[in-house]
Amino acid sequence: MFTGIVEELGEVTAVENLDDASRFRLRGPVVTQGAQHGDSIAVNGVCLTVVEHEGDEFTADVMAETLNRSSLGALAVGSRVNLERPMALGARLGGHIVQGHVDGTGTVIERKPSENWEIVKVSLPADLSRYVVEKGSITVDGISLTVVDAGPDYFTVSLIPTTLDLTTLGLKQPGDPVNLEVDVVAKYVERLLGDRAVPVAAEEASK
């Protein structure tokens, strides 16, 4: 479980493409402190398992399902990535509940800089739009953000200088892909109420 508060901006140092997977080596001096085989580290919002750890670098295997569902397949040597270790039990929840299970990808549509912040507009897959609401939470490349505007096929977020300086969103340009994870609470609520909604709708229609 993560919070969407990025700990550091890491770097891809090697990529090995396999038949149905890829192995990444990534540099992250902060997240590798005390890292062990089997630990979890979120890379651009994707929960990956540490395979090997040496110095300030670690390797992780990424299966075809993850490559197809996320933007990790577009990473190359030199790519910058957001890194976060799992939240420790009893620690402050600085962002919101983030699982590291990417729901889909969006694309940066436009950036509107201002004096003290920047508005970024991101495309939103149609099947995810029902989970995104104004002032709700969304995870973009592993960053917990508050939705400013929520449209049928897009949303906007307002980024402060710290976010621009310390995460990949300071580097992303229009056309670049980003990983999206919607609020898991919204998905659970939908599933729990889904079976009840049909009888209610049918009853109202019969009146």
N, C-alpha and C. Protein backbone atom coordinates (compact mmCIF):
# COMPACT_ATOMS: atom_id res chain seq x y z
N MET A 1 0.84 -1.18 0.00
CA MET A 1 0.00 0.00 0.00
C MET A 1 0.88 1.25 0.00
N PHE A 2 0.52 2.21 -0.83
CA PHE A 2 1.31 3.43 -0.96
C PHE A 2 0.42 4.65 -0.66
N THR A 3 1.02 5.83 -0.65
CA THR A 3 0.25 7.04 -0.37
C THR A 3 0.24 8.03 -1.53
N GLY A 4 1.08 7.80 -2.53
CA GLY A 4 1.15 8.73 -3.65
C GLY A 4 2.04 9.92 -3.37
N ILE A 5 2.82 9.86 -2.29
CA ILE A 5 3.80 10.91 -1.99
C ILE A 5 5.16 10.41 -2.47
N VAL A 6 5.60 10.90 -3.61
CA VAL A 6 6.84 10.42 -4.24
C VAL A 6 8.04 10.75 -3.35
N GLU A 7 8.90 9.74 -3.15
CA GLU A 7 10.06 9.94 -2.28
C GLU A 7 11.26 10.48 -3.04
N GLU A 8 11.40 10.08 -4.30
CA GLU A 8 12.51 10.61 -5.09
C GLU A 8 12.28 10.37 -6.57
N LEU A 9 13.01 11.14 -7.36
CA LEU A 9 12.99 11.01 -8.81
C LEU A 9 14.16 10.12 -9.19
N GLY A 10 13.86 8.88 -9.57
CA GLY A 10 14.90 7.92 -9.92
C GLY A 10 15.19 7.90 -11.41
N GLU A 11 16.01 6.94 -11.80
CA GLU A 11 16.42 6.86 -13.21
C GLU A 11 16.56 5.39 -13.64
N VAL A 12 16.13 5.10 -14.86
CA VAL A 12 16.30 3.77 -15.44
C VAL A 12 17.74 3.67 -15.94
N THR A 13 18.46 2.65 -15.47
CA THR A 13 19.87 2.50 -15.87
C THR A 13 20.08 1.34 -16.84
N ALA A 14 19.11 0.44 -16.94
CA ALA A 14 19.23 -0.67 -17.89
C ALA A 14 17.86 -1.26 -18.15
N VAL A 15 17.65 -1.75 -19.37
CA VAL A 15 16.40 -2.42 -19.74
C VAL A 15 16.74 -3.68 -20.51
N GLU A 16 16.23 -4.82 -20.04
CA GLU A 16 16.42 -6.09 -20.72
C GLU A 16 15.06 -6.59 -21.19
N ASN A 17 14.86 -6.64 -22.51
CA ASN A 17 13.58 -7.08 -23.07
C ASN A 17 13.59 -8.59 -23.24
N LEU A 18 12.64 -9.28 -22.59
CA LEU A 18 12.51 -10.72 -22.67
C LEU A 18 11.34 -11.07 -23.60
N ASP A 19 11.03 -12.34 -23.74
CA ASP A 19 9.97 -12.76 -24.67
C ASP A 19 8.62 -12.17 -24.28
N ASP A 20 8.25 -12.27 -23.03
CA ASP A 20 6.95 -11.79 -22.59
C ASP A 20 7.05 -10.93 -21.34
N ALA A 21 8.19 -10.28 -21.17
CA ALA A 21 8.42 -9.45 -19.99
C ALA A 21 9.63 -8.55 -20.24
N SER A 22 9.90 -7.70 -19.29
CA SER A 22 11.09 -6.86 -19.33
C SER A 22 11.69 -6.81 -17.93
N ARG A 23 12.99 -6.67 -17.86
CA ARG A 23 13.66 -6.48 -16.57
C ARG A 23 14.31 -5.10 -16.57
N PHE A 24 13.95 -4.31 -15.56
CA PHE A 24 14.46 -2.96 -15.43
C PHE A 24 15.46 -2.88 -14.28
N ARG A 25 16.53 -2.13 -14.49
CA ARG A 25 17.40 -1.75 -13.39
C ARG A 25 17.23 -0.26 -13.18
N LEU A 26 16.99 0.13 -11.93
CA LEU A 26 16.68 1.52 -11.63
C LEU A 26 17.55 2.02 -10.49
N ARG A 27 17.91 3.30 -10.57
CA ARG A 27 18.70 3.93 -9.52
C ARG A 27 17.80 4.77 -8.64
N GLY A 28 17.92 4.54 -7.31
CA GLY A 28 17.14 5.31 -6.35
C GLY A 28 17.78 5.23 -4.99
N PRO A 29 18.68 6.14 -4.66
CA PRO A 29 19.41 6.08 -3.39
C PRO A 29 18.52 6.06 -2.15
N VAL A 30 17.38 6.72 -2.21
CA VAL A 30 16.49 6.78 -1.05
C VAL A 30 15.73 5.48 -0.87
N VAL A 31 15.06 5.02 -1.94
CA VAL A 31 14.18 3.85 -1.81
C VAL A 31 14.96 2.54 -1.66
N THR A 32 16.24 2.55 -2.00
CA THR A 32 17.03 1.32 -1.86
C THR A 32 17.65 1.17 -0.48
N GLN A 33 17.49 2.17 0.39
CA GLN A 33 18.02 2.06 1.74
C GLN A 33 17.30 0.93 2.48
N GLY A 34 18.05 -0.10 2.82
CA GLY A 34 17.46 -1.23 3.53
C GLY A 34 16.63 -2.15 2.67
N ALA A 35 16.65 -1.95 1.35
CA ALA A 35 15.83 -2.78 0.45
C ALA A 35 16.33 -4.22 0.44
N GLN A 36 15.39 -5.15 0.32
CA GLN A 36 15.71 -6.56 0.27
C GLN A 36 14.94 -7.23 -0.85
N HIS A 37 15.40 -8.40 -1.24
CA HIS A 37 14.71 -9.19 -2.26
C HIS A 37 13.26 -9.43 -1.83
N GLY A 38 12.32 -9.15 -2.74
CA GLY A 38 10.91 -9.35 -2.44
C GLY A 38 10.19 -8.12 -1.96
N ASP A 39 10.92 -7.05 -1.64
CA ASP A 39 10.28 -5.81 -1.22
C ASP A 39 9.52 -5.17 -2.39
N SER A 40 8.57 -4.33 -2.07
CA SER A 40 7.81 -3.62 -3.09
C SER A 40 8.28 -2.17 -3.19
N ILE A 41 8.36 -1.69 -4.43
CA ILE A 41 8.66 -0.28 -4.70
C ILE A 41 7.77 0.15 -5.86
N ALA A 42 7.09 1.29 -5.69
CA ALA A 42 6.24 1.81 -6.75
C ALA A 42 7.11 2.60 -7.73
N VAL A 43 6.99 2.25 -9.01
CA VAL A 43 7.72 2.92 -10.08
C VAL A 43 6.69 3.55 -11.02
N ASN A 44 6.63 4.88 -11.01
CA ASN A 44 5.60 5.60 -11.77
C ASN A 44 4.20 5.07 -11.44
N GLY A 45 4.01 4.73 -10.17
CA GLY A 45 2.70 4.29 -9.73
C GLY A 45 2.42 2.82 -9.88
N VAL A 46 3.39 2.05 -10.39
CA VAL A 46 3.22 0.61 -10.57
C VAL A 46 3.99 -0.12 -9.47
N CYS A 47 3.31 -0.95 -8.72
CA CYS A 47 3.95 -1.70 -7.65
C CYS A 47 4.80 -2.83 -8.25
N LEU A 48 6.13 -2.74 -8.06
CA LEU A 48 7.04 -3.74 -8.58
C LEU A 48 7.78 -4.41 -7.42
N THR A 49 8.26 -5.62 -7.68
CA THR A 49 8.96 -6.40 -6.66
C THR A 49 10.46 -6.36 -6.91
N VAL A 50 11.21 -6.06 -5.87
CA VAL A 50 12.67 -6.02 -5.97
C VAL A 50 13.20 -7.44 -6.19
N VAL A 51 13.92 -7.63 -7.29
CA VAL A 51 14.54 -8.92 -7.58
C VAL A 51 15.97 -8.95 -7.05
N GLU A 52 16.71 -7.91 -7.36
CA GLU A 52 18.08 -7.79 -6.88
C GLU A 52 18.31 -6.36 -6.40
N HIS A 53 19.24 -6.20 -5.49
CA HIS A 53 19.56 -4.88 -4.94
C HIS A 53 21.05 -4.80 -4.71
N GLU A 54 21.66 -3.79 -5.30
CA GLU A 54 23.10 -3.58 -5.11
C GLU A 54 23.38 -2.08 -5.11
N GLY A 55 23.98 -1.60 -4.04
CA GLY A 55 24.27 -0.17 -3.94
C GLY A 55 22.99 0.63 -3.95
N ASP A 56 22.92 1.62 -4.82
CA ASP A 56 21.72 2.45 -4.90
C ASP A 56 20.84 2.07 -6.08
N GLU A 57 20.99 0.83 -6.58
CA GLU A 57 20.20 0.36 -7.70
C GLU A 57 19.45 -0.92 -7.34
N PHE A 58 18.32 -1.15 -8.02
CA PHE A 58 17.58 -2.39 -7.85
C PHE A 58 17.01 -2.82 -9.19
N THR A 59 16.74 -4.10 -9.32
CA THR A 59 16.12 -4.61 -10.55
C THR A 59 14.74 -5.13 -10.24
N ALA A 60 13.85 -5.06 -11.24
CA ALA A 60 12.48 -5.52 -11.10
C ALA A 60 12.01 -6.09 -12.43
N ASP A 61 11.27 -7.19 -12.36
CA ASP A 61 10.69 -7.79 -13.56
C ASP A 61 9.29 -7.24 -13.78
N VAL A 62 8.97 -6.95 -15.04
CA VAL A 62 7.66 -6.43 -15.40
C VAL A 62 7.03 -7.35 -16.43
N MET A 63 5.90 -7.97 -16.07
CA MET A 63 5.24 -8.92 -16.94
C MET A 63 4.48 -8.22 -18.07
N ALA A 64 4.08 -9.01 -19.07
CA ALA A 64 3.40 -8.46 -20.24
C ALA A 64 2.12 -7.72 -19.87
N GLU A 65 1.35 -8.25 -18.91
CA GLU A 65 0.11 -7.61 -18.48
C GLU A 65 0.38 -6.19 -17.99
N THR A 66 1.43 -6.02 -17.21
CA THR A 66 1.78 -4.70 -16.69
C THR A 66 2.28 -3.79 -17.80
N LEU A 67 3.07 -4.33 -18.70
CA LEU A 67 3.58 -3.52 -19.81
C LEU A 67 2.43 -3.03 -20.71
N ASN A 68 1.41 -3.89 -20.89
CA ASN A 68 0.29 -3.53 -21.75
C ASN A 68 -0.65 -2.53 -21.08
N ARG A 69 -0.78 -2.62 -19.76
CA ARG A 69 -1.74 -1.79 -19.05
C ARG A 69 -1.14 -0.45 -18.61
N SER A 70 0.17 -0.37 -18.53
CA SER A 70 0.82 0.84 -18.03
C SER A 70 1.73 1.44 -19.10
N SER A 71 2.39 2.53 -18.72
CA SER A 71 3.33 3.19 -19.63
C SER A 71 4.77 2.72 -19.42
N LEU A 72 4.98 1.70 -18.59
CA LEU A 72 6.34 1.26 -18.31
C LEU A 72 7.04 0.73 -19.56
N GLY A 73 6.28 0.23 -20.51
CA GLY A 73 6.88 -0.27 -21.74
C GLY A 73 7.58 0.80 -22.55
N ALA A 74 7.26 2.06 -22.28
CA ALA A 74 7.88 3.17 -23.01
C ALA A 74 9.17 3.65 -22.36
N LEU A 75 9.51 3.09 -21.20
CA LEU A 75 10.73 3.52 -20.51
C LEU A 75 11.97 3.04 -21.24
N ALA A 76 13.01 3.85 -21.19
CA ALA A 76 14.30 3.51 -21.80
C ALA A 76 15.40 3.94 -20.84
N VAL A 77 16.62 3.54 -21.15
CA VAL A 77 17.75 3.96 -20.32
C VAL A 77 17.80 5.48 -20.27
N GLY A 78 17.87 6.01 -19.08
CA GLY A 78 17.90 7.47 -18.90
C GLY A 78 16.56 8.06 -18.52
N SER A 79 15.48 7.28 -18.67
CA SER A 79 14.15 7.79 -18.31
C SER A 79 14.09 8.07 -16.81
N ARG A 80 13.46 9.17 -16.43
CA ARG A 80 13.26 9.49 -15.02
C ARG A 80 11.94 8.88 -14.56
N VAL A 81 11.92 8.40 -13.33
CA VAL A 81 10.73 7.73 -12.80
C VAL A 81 10.47 8.17 -11.36
N ASN A 82 9.19 8.17 -10.98
CA ASN A 82 8.81 8.46 -9.61
C ASN A 82 8.93 7.19 -8.79
N LEU A 83 9.56 7.28 -7.62
CA LEU A 83 9.77 6.11 -6.76
C LEU A 83 9.18 6.35 -5.37
N GLU A 84 8.55 5.30 -4.85
CA GLU A 84 8.00 5.38 -3.49
C GLU A 84 8.00 3.99 -2.87
N ARG A 85 8.44 3.92 -1.62
CA ARG A 85 8.34 2.68 -0.86
C ARG A 85 6.95 2.56 -0.23
N PRO A 86 6.53 1.35 0.14
CA PRO A 86 5.22 1.19 0.77
C PRO A 86 5.14 1.97 2.07
N MET A 87 3.92 2.36 2.41
CA MET A 87 3.69 3.09 3.65
C MET A 87 3.90 2.17 4.85
N ALA A 88 4.59 2.65 5.86
CA ALA A 88 4.78 1.88 7.08
C ALA A 88 3.53 1.95 7.93
N LEU A 89 3.17 0.84 8.56
CA LEU A 89 1.99 0.80 9.42
C LEU A 89 2.14 1.82 10.55
N GLY A 90 1.15 2.66 10.70
CA GLY A 90 1.19 3.69 11.74
C GLY A 90 1.74 5.01 11.27
N ALA A 91 2.22 5.06 10.00
CA ALA A 91 2.75 6.32 9.47
C ALA A 91 1.60 7.22 9.01
N ARG A 92 1.89 8.49 8.82
CA ARG A 92 0.88 9.43 8.35
C ARG A 92 0.52 9.14 6.90
N LEU A 93 -0.77 9.22 6.58
CA LEU A 93 -1.23 9.03 5.21
C LEU A 93 -1.24 10.40 4.53
N GLY A 94 -0.10 10.75 3.94
CA GLY A 94 0.05 12.09 3.39
C GLY A 94 -0.77 12.34 2.14
N GLY A 95 -0.99 11.31 1.33
CA GLY A 95 -1.77 11.48 0.11
C GLY A 95 -3.14 10.83 0.26
N HIS A 96 -3.33 9.69 -0.44
CA HIS A 96 -4.54 8.89 -0.26
C HIS A 96 -4.17 7.43 -0.46
N ILE A 97 -5.11 6.52 -0.29
CA ILE A 97 -4.80 5.10 -0.42
C ILE A 97 -4.50 4.76 -1.88
N VAL A 98 -3.26 4.33 -2.14
CA VAL A 98 -2.81 3.97 -3.48
C VAL A 98 -2.33 2.52 -3.45
N GLN A 99 -2.85 1.71 -4.35
CA GLN A 99 -2.50 0.30 -4.36
C GLN A 99 -1.27 -0.01 -5.22
N GLY A 100 -0.99 0.86 -6.18
CA GLY A 100 0.08 0.55 -7.13
C GLY A 100 -0.41 -0.37 -8.23
N HIS A 101 -1.73 -0.45 -8.41
CA HIS A 101 -2.34 -1.24 -9.46
C HIS A 101 -2.94 -0.28 -10.49
N VAL A 102 -2.22 -0.06 -11.57
CA VAL A 102 -2.63 0.92 -12.57
C VAL A 102 -3.91 0.48 -13.28
N ASP A 103 -4.88 1.40 -13.39
CA ASP A 103 -6.15 1.10 -14.05
C ASP A 103 -6.10 1.36 -15.54
N GLY A 104 -5.20 2.20 -15.97
CA GLY A 104 -5.09 2.54 -17.39
C GLY A 104 -4.11 3.67 -17.58
N THR A 105 -4.00 4.14 -18.79
CA THR A 105 -3.09 5.25 -19.08
C THR A 105 -3.85 6.42 -19.69
N GLY A 106 -3.33 7.59 -19.45
CA GLY A 106 -3.84 8.79 -20.08
C GLY A 106 -2.70 9.48 -20.82
N THR A 107 -3.01 10.59 -21.43
CA THR A 107 -2.00 11.35 -22.17
C THR A 107 -2.08 12.81 -21.76
N VAL A 108 -0.94 13.42 -21.55
CA VAL A 108 -0.92 14.85 -21.25
C VAL A 108 -1.43 15.60 -22.47
N ILE A 109 -2.48 16.37 -22.28
CA ILE A 109 -3.09 17.11 -23.40
C ILE A 109 -2.50 18.51 -23.51
N GLU A 110 -2.41 19.20 -22.39
CA GLU A 110 -1.84 20.55 -22.41
C GLU A 110 -1.38 20.95 -21.03
N ARG A 111 -0.51 21.97 -21.01
CA ARG A 111 0.01 22.54 -19.76
C ARG A 111 -0.22 24.04 -19.82
N LYS A 112 -0.71 24.60 -18.71
CA LYS A 112 -0.94 26.02 -18.62
C LYS A 112 -0.19 26.57 -17.41
N PRO A 113 1.01 27.12 -17.63
CA PRO A 113 1.78 27.65 -16.51
C PRO A 113 1.23 28.99 -16.03
N SER A 114 1.38 29.23 -14.74
CA SER A 114 1.06 30.53 -14.17
C SER A 114 2.22 30.91 -13.26
N GLU A 115 2.05 31.97 -12.51
CA GLU A 115 3.16 32.47 -11.71
C GLU A 115 3.57 31.51 -10.60
N ASN A 116 2.60 30.87 -9.95
CA ASN A 116 2.91 30.05 -8.78
C ASN A 116 2.50 28.59 -8.90
N TRP A 117 1.87 28.21 -9.97
CA TRP A 117 1.47 26.80 -10.15
C TRP A 117 1.27 26.55 -11.64
N GLU A 118 0.92 25.32 -11.97
CA GLU A 118 0.69 24.97 -13.37
C GLU A 118 -0.50 24.01 -13.45
N ILE A 119 -1.38 24.28 -14.41
CA ILE A 119 -2.53 23.42 -14.64
C ILE A 119 -2.18 22.43 -15.76
N VAL A 120 -2.37 21.14 -15.48
CA VAL A 120 -2.09 20.11 -16.48
C VAL A 120 -3.38 19.37 -16.79
N LYS A 121 -3.68 19.25 -18.07
CA LYS A 121 -4.88 18.55 -18.54
C LYS A 121 -4.47 17.19 -19.08
N VAL A 122 -5.16 16.14 -18.63
CA VAL A 122 -4.81 14.76 -18.98
C VAL A 122 -6.03 14.06 -19.54
N SER A 123 -5.85 13.29 -20.61
CA SER A 123 -6.95 12.52 -21.17
C SER A 123 -7.33 11.39 -20.22
N LEU A 124 -8.60 10.99 -20.27
CA LEU A 124 -9.12 10.00 -19.34
C LEU A 124 -9.88 8.93 -20.11
N PRO A 125 -9.48 7.66 -19.99
CA PRO A 125 -10.22 6.58 -20.66
C PRO A 125 -11.68 6.58 -20.25
N ALA A 126 -12.57 6.28 -21.18
CA ALA A 126 -14.01 6.36 -20.93
C ALA A 126 -14.45 5.48 -19.78
N ASP A 127 -13.82 4.31 -19.62
CA ASP A 127 -14.26 3.39 -18.58
C ASP A 127 -13.80 3.81 -17.19
N LEU A 128 -12.99 4.85 -17.09
CA LEU A 128 -12.53 5.33 -15.79
C LEU A 128 -13.18 6.64 -15.37
N SER A 129 -13.86 7.30 -16.29
CA SER A 129 -14.37 8.65 -16.01
C SER A 129 -15.37 8.67 -14.87
N ARG A 130 -16.13 7.59 -14.67
CA ARG A 130 -17.14 7.59 -13.61
C ARG A 130 -16.52 7.59 -12.21
N TYR A 131 -15.24 7.27 -12.11
CA TYR A 131 -14.57 7.23 -10.81
C TYR A 131 -13.88 8.55 -10.47
N VAL A 132 -13.89 9.50 -11.40
CA VAL A 132 -13.14 10.74 -11.22
C VAL A 132 -14.12 11.90 -11.01
N VAL A 133 -13.98 12.59 -9.88
CA VAL A 133 -14.88 13.69 -9.55
C VAL A 133 -14.06 14.91 -9.13
N GLU A 134 -14.65 16.08 -9.29
CA GLU A 134 -13.98 17.30 -8.86
C GLU A 134 -13.66 17.24 -7.37
N LYS A 135 -12.45 17.64 -7.05
CA LYS A 135 -11.92 17.65 -5.68
C LYS A 135 -11.70 16.25 -5.12
N GLY A 136 -11.85 15.23 -5.97
CA GLY A 136 -11.53 13.87 -5.56
C GLY A 136 -10.05 13.59 -5.78
N SER A 137 -9.62 12.39 -5.45
CA SER A 137 -8.22 12.02 -5.58
C SER A 137 -8.00 11.13 -6.80
N ILE A 138 -6.85 11.28 -7.43
CA ILE A 138 -6.43 10.42 -8.52
C ILE A 138 -4.91 10.30 -8.44
N THR A 139 -4.40 9.16 -8.88
CA THR A 139 -2.95 8.94 -8.90
C THR A 139 -2.45 9.03 -10.33
N VAL A 140 -1.52 9.93 -10.57
CA VAL A 140 -0.93 10.11 -11.90
C VAL A 140 0.56 9.82 -11.82
N ASP A 141 1.00 8.77 -12.50
CA ASP A 141 2.41 8.34 -12.42
C ASP A 141 2.86 8.17 -10.97
N GLY A 142 1.94 7.67 -10.14
CA GLY A 142 2.29 7.42 -8.75
C GLY A 142 2.17 8.61 -7.83
N ILE A 143 1.67 9.73 -8.33
CA ILE A 143 1.55 10.96 -7.54
C ILE A 143 0.10 11.17 -7.12
N SER A 144 -0.14 11.30 -5.84
CA SER A 144 -1.48 11.58 -5.34
C SER A 144 -1.82 13.04 -5.63
N LEU A 145 -2.89 13.24 -6.42
CA LEU A 145 -3.27 14.59 -6.82
C LEU A 145 -4.77 14.81 -6.61
N THR A 146 -5.14 16.06 -6.49
CA THR A 146 -6.54 16.44 -6.37
C THR A 146 -7.07 16.91 -7.71
N VAL A 147 -8.20 16.36 -8.12
CA VAL A 147 -8.80 16.72 -9.40
C VAL A 147 -9.39 18.13 -9.30
N VAL A 148 -9.06 18.97 -10.28
CA VAL A 148 -9.63 20.32 -10.33
C VAL A 148 -10.91 20.29 -11.14
N ASP A 149 -10.83 19.88 -12.39
CA ASP A 149 -12.00 19.73 -13.26
C ASP A 149 -12.07 18.29 -13.75
N ALA A 150 -13.28 17.75 -13.83
CA ALA A 150 -13.48 16.39 -14.32
C ALA A 150 -14.45 16.41 -15.49
N GLY A 151 -13.95 16.12 -16.68
CA GLY A 151 -14.79 16.07 -17.86
C GLY A 151 -15.08 14.63 -18.25
N PRO A 152 -15.83 14.40 -19.32
CA PRO A 152 -16.17 13.04 -19.74
C PRO A 152 -14.97 12.25 -20.23
N ASP A 153 -13.96 12.95 -20.74
CA ASP A 153 -12.80 12.24 -21.27
C ASP A 153 -11.48 12.93 -20.89
N TYR A 154 -11.52 13.72 -19.84
CA TYR A 154 -10.30 14.40 -19.39
C TYR A 154 -10.47 14.83 -17.93
N PHE A 155 -9.36 15.22 -17.33
CA PHE A 155 -9.39 15.87 -16.01
C PHE A 155 -8.21 16.80 -15.95
N THR A 156 -8.26 17.74 -15.02
CA THR A 156 -7.14 18.65 -14.83
C THR A 156 -6.67 18.58 -13.38
N VAL A 157 -5.40 18.87 -13.19
CA VAL A 157 -4.80 18.94 -11.86
C VAL A 157 -3.95 20.20 -11.80
N SER A 158 -3.83 20.74 -10.60
CA SER A 158 -3.02 21.93 -10.37
C SER A 158 -1.75 21.52 -9.64
N LEU A 159 -0.60 21.84 -10.20
CA LEU A 159 0.67 21.38 -9.65
C LEU A 159 1.45 22.54 -9.03
N ILE A 160 1.89 22.32 -7.79
CA ILE A 160 2.71 23.31 -7.12
C ILE A 160 4.17 23.14 -7.53
N PRO A 161 5.02 24.13 -7.29
CA PRO A 161 6.43 24.03 -7.70
C PRO A 161 7.14 22.78 -7.18
N THR A 162 6.82 22.36 -5.95
CA THR A 162 7.48 21.18 -5.39
C THR A 162 7.20 19.95 -6.24
N THR A 163 5.95 19.77 -6.65
CA THR A 163 5.58 18.63 -7.50
C THR A 163 6.28 18.72 -8.85
N LEU A 164 6.37 19.91 -9.40
CA LEU A 164 7.03 20.09 -10.69
C LEU A 164 8.52 19.80 -10.60
N ASP A 165 9.13 20.15 -9.48
CA ASP A 165 10.58 19.99 -9.32
C ASP A 165 10.97 18.56 -8.98
N LEU A 166 10.13 17.84 -8.22
CA LEU A 166 10.54 16.57 -7.64
C LEU A 166 9.88 15.35 -8.26
N THR A 167 9.06 15.51 -9.30
CA THR A 167 8.40 14.37 -9.94
C THR A 167 8.49 14.47 -11.46
N THR A 168 8.06 13.40 -12.11
CA THR A 168 8.11 13.36 -13.58
C THR A 168 7.13 14.34 -14.21
N LEU A 169 6.13 14.81 -13.46
CA LEU A 169 5.16 15.73 -14.06
C LEU A 169 5.79 17.08 -14.39
N GLY A 170 6.95 17.35 -13.85
CA GLY A 170 7.67 18.55 -14.25
C GLY A 170 8.34 18.39 -15.60
N LEU A 171 8.43 17.14 -16.08
CA LEU A 171 9.12 16.83 -17.34
C LEU A 171 8.17 16.45 -18.47
N LYS A 172 6.97 15.98 -18.12
CA LYS A 172 6.03 15.48 -19.13
C LYS A 172 5.56 16.61 -20.03
N GLN A 173 5.47 16.29 -21.33
CA GLN A 173 5.01 17.25 -22.33
C GLN A 173 3.75 16.72 -23.01
N PRO A 174 2.97 17.59 -23.67
CA PRO A 174 1.78 17.12 -24.38
C PRO A 174 2.11 15.95 -25.30
N GLY A 175 1.30 14.91 -25.20
CA GLY A 175 1.52 13.70 -25.99
C GLY A 175 2.18 12.59 -25.19
N ASP A 176 2.77 12.91 -24.04
CA ASP A 176 3.43 11.90 -23.22
C ASP A 176 2.38 11.09 -22.43
N PRO A 177 2.59 9.78 -22.29
CA PRO A 177 1.65 8.94 -21.53
C PRO A 177 1.92 9.02 -20.04
N VAL A 178 0.87 8.82 -19.26
CA VAL A 178 0.99 8.76 -17.80
C VAL A 178 0.12 7.61 -17.28
N ASN A 179 0.55 7.00 -16.18
CA ASN A 179 -0.21 5.93 -15.55
C ASN A 179 -1.29 6.53 -14.65
N LEU A 180 -2.47 5.92 -14.67
CA LEU A 180 -3.59 6.41 -13.88
C LEU A 180 -4.11 5.31 -12.96
N GLU A 181 -4.32 5.66 -11.71
CA GLU A 181 -5.01 4.78 -10.77
C GLU A 181 -6.10 5.59 -10.08
N VAL A 182 -7.34 5.17 -10.27
CA VAL A 182 -8.45 5.90 -9.65
C VAL A 182 -8.60 5.49 -8.19
N ASP A 183 -9.42 6.21 -7.47
CA ASP A 183 -9.62 5.96 -6.04
C ASP A 183 -10.28 4.59 -5.85
N VAL A 184 -9.59 3.70 -5.16
CA VAL A 184 -10.11 2.34 -4.97
C VAL A 184 -11.41 2.34 -4.19
N VAL A 185 -11.63 3.32 -3.33
CA VAL A 185 -12.87 3.38 -2.55
C VAL A 185 -14.07 3.51 -3.49
N ALA A 186 -13.93 4.31 -4.55
CA ALA A 186 -15.03 4.49 -5.51
C ALA A 186 -15.36 3.17 -6.19
N LYS A 187 -14.36 2.37 -6.50
CA LYS A 187 -14.61 1.09 -7.16
C LYS A 187 -15.32 0.11 -6.25
N TYR A 188 -14.94 0.10 -4.97
CA TYR A 188 -15.61 -0.79 -4.02
C TYR A 188 -17.06 -0.38 -3.81
N VAL A 189 -17.31 0.93 -3.71
CA VAL A 189 -18.67 1.41 -3.53
C VAL A 189 -19.53 1.02 -4.72
N GLU A 190 -19.00 1.18 -5.92
CA GLU A 190 -19.74 0.80 -7.13
C GLU A 190 -20.08 -0.68 -7.12
N ARG A 191 -19.13 -1.51 -6.75
CA ARG A 191 -19.36 -2.95 -6.73
C ARG A 191 -20.40 -3.33 -5.68
N LEU A 192 -20.33 -2.72 -4.51
CA LEU A 192 -21.26 -3.05 -3.44
C LEU A 192 -22.68 -2.60 -3.75
N LEU A 193 -22.81 -1.46 -4.40
CA LEU A 193 -24.14 -0.92 -4.69
C LEU A 193 -24.68 -1.35 -6.04
N GLY A 194 -23.83 -1.98 -6.85
CA GLY A 194 -24.24 -2.33 -8.20
C GLY A 194 -25.47 -3.20 -8.26
N ASP A 195 -25.55 -4.23 -7.44
CA ASP A 195 -26.69 -5.15 -7.48
C ASP A 195 -27.96 -4.50 -6.96
N ARG A 196 -27.83 -3.49 -6.10
CA ARG A 196 -29.00 -2.84 -5.54
C ARG A 196 -29.58 -1.80 -6.48
N ALA A 197 -28.73 -1.27 -7.36
CA ALA A 197 -29.16 -0.18 -8.24
C ALA A 197 -30.18 -0.65 -9.26
N VAL A 198 -30.05 -1.88 -9.73
CA VAL A 198 -30.95 -2.38 -10.78
C VAL A 198 -32.39 -2.50 -10.30
N PRO A 199 -32.67 -3.14 -9.14
CA PRO A 199 -34.04 -3.22 -8.65
C PRO A 199 -34.67 -1.86 -8.40
N VAL A 200 -33.88 -0.92 -7.87
CA VAL A 200 -34.39 0.42 -7.60
C VAL A 200 -34.81 1.10 -8.89
N ALA A 201 -33.96 0.99 -9.92
CA ALA A 201 -34.25 1.61 -11.21
C ALA A 201 -35.51 1.00 -11.82
N ALA A 202 -35.65 -0.31 -11.69
CA ALA A 202 -36.80 -1.00 -12.25
C ALA A 202 -38.09 -0.58 -11.52
N GLU A 203 -38.00 -0.41 -10.20
CA GLU A 203 -39.16 0.01 -9.40
C GLU A 203 -39.60 1.40 -9.79
N GLU A 204 -38.61 2.30 -9.97
CA GLU A 204 -38.95 3.68 -10.34
C GLU A 204 -39.59 3.71 -11.73
N ALA A 205 -39.10 2.87 -12.64
CA ALA A 205 -39.64 2.87 -13.99
C ALA A 205 -41.06 2.36 -14.05
N SER A 206 -41.46 1.52 -13.09
CA SER A 206 -42.79 0.94 -13.09
C SER A 206 -43.83 1.86 -12.48
N LYS A 207 -43.38 2.94 -11.82
CA LYS A 207 -44.33 3.85 -11.19
C LYS A 207 -45.04 4.72 -12.22
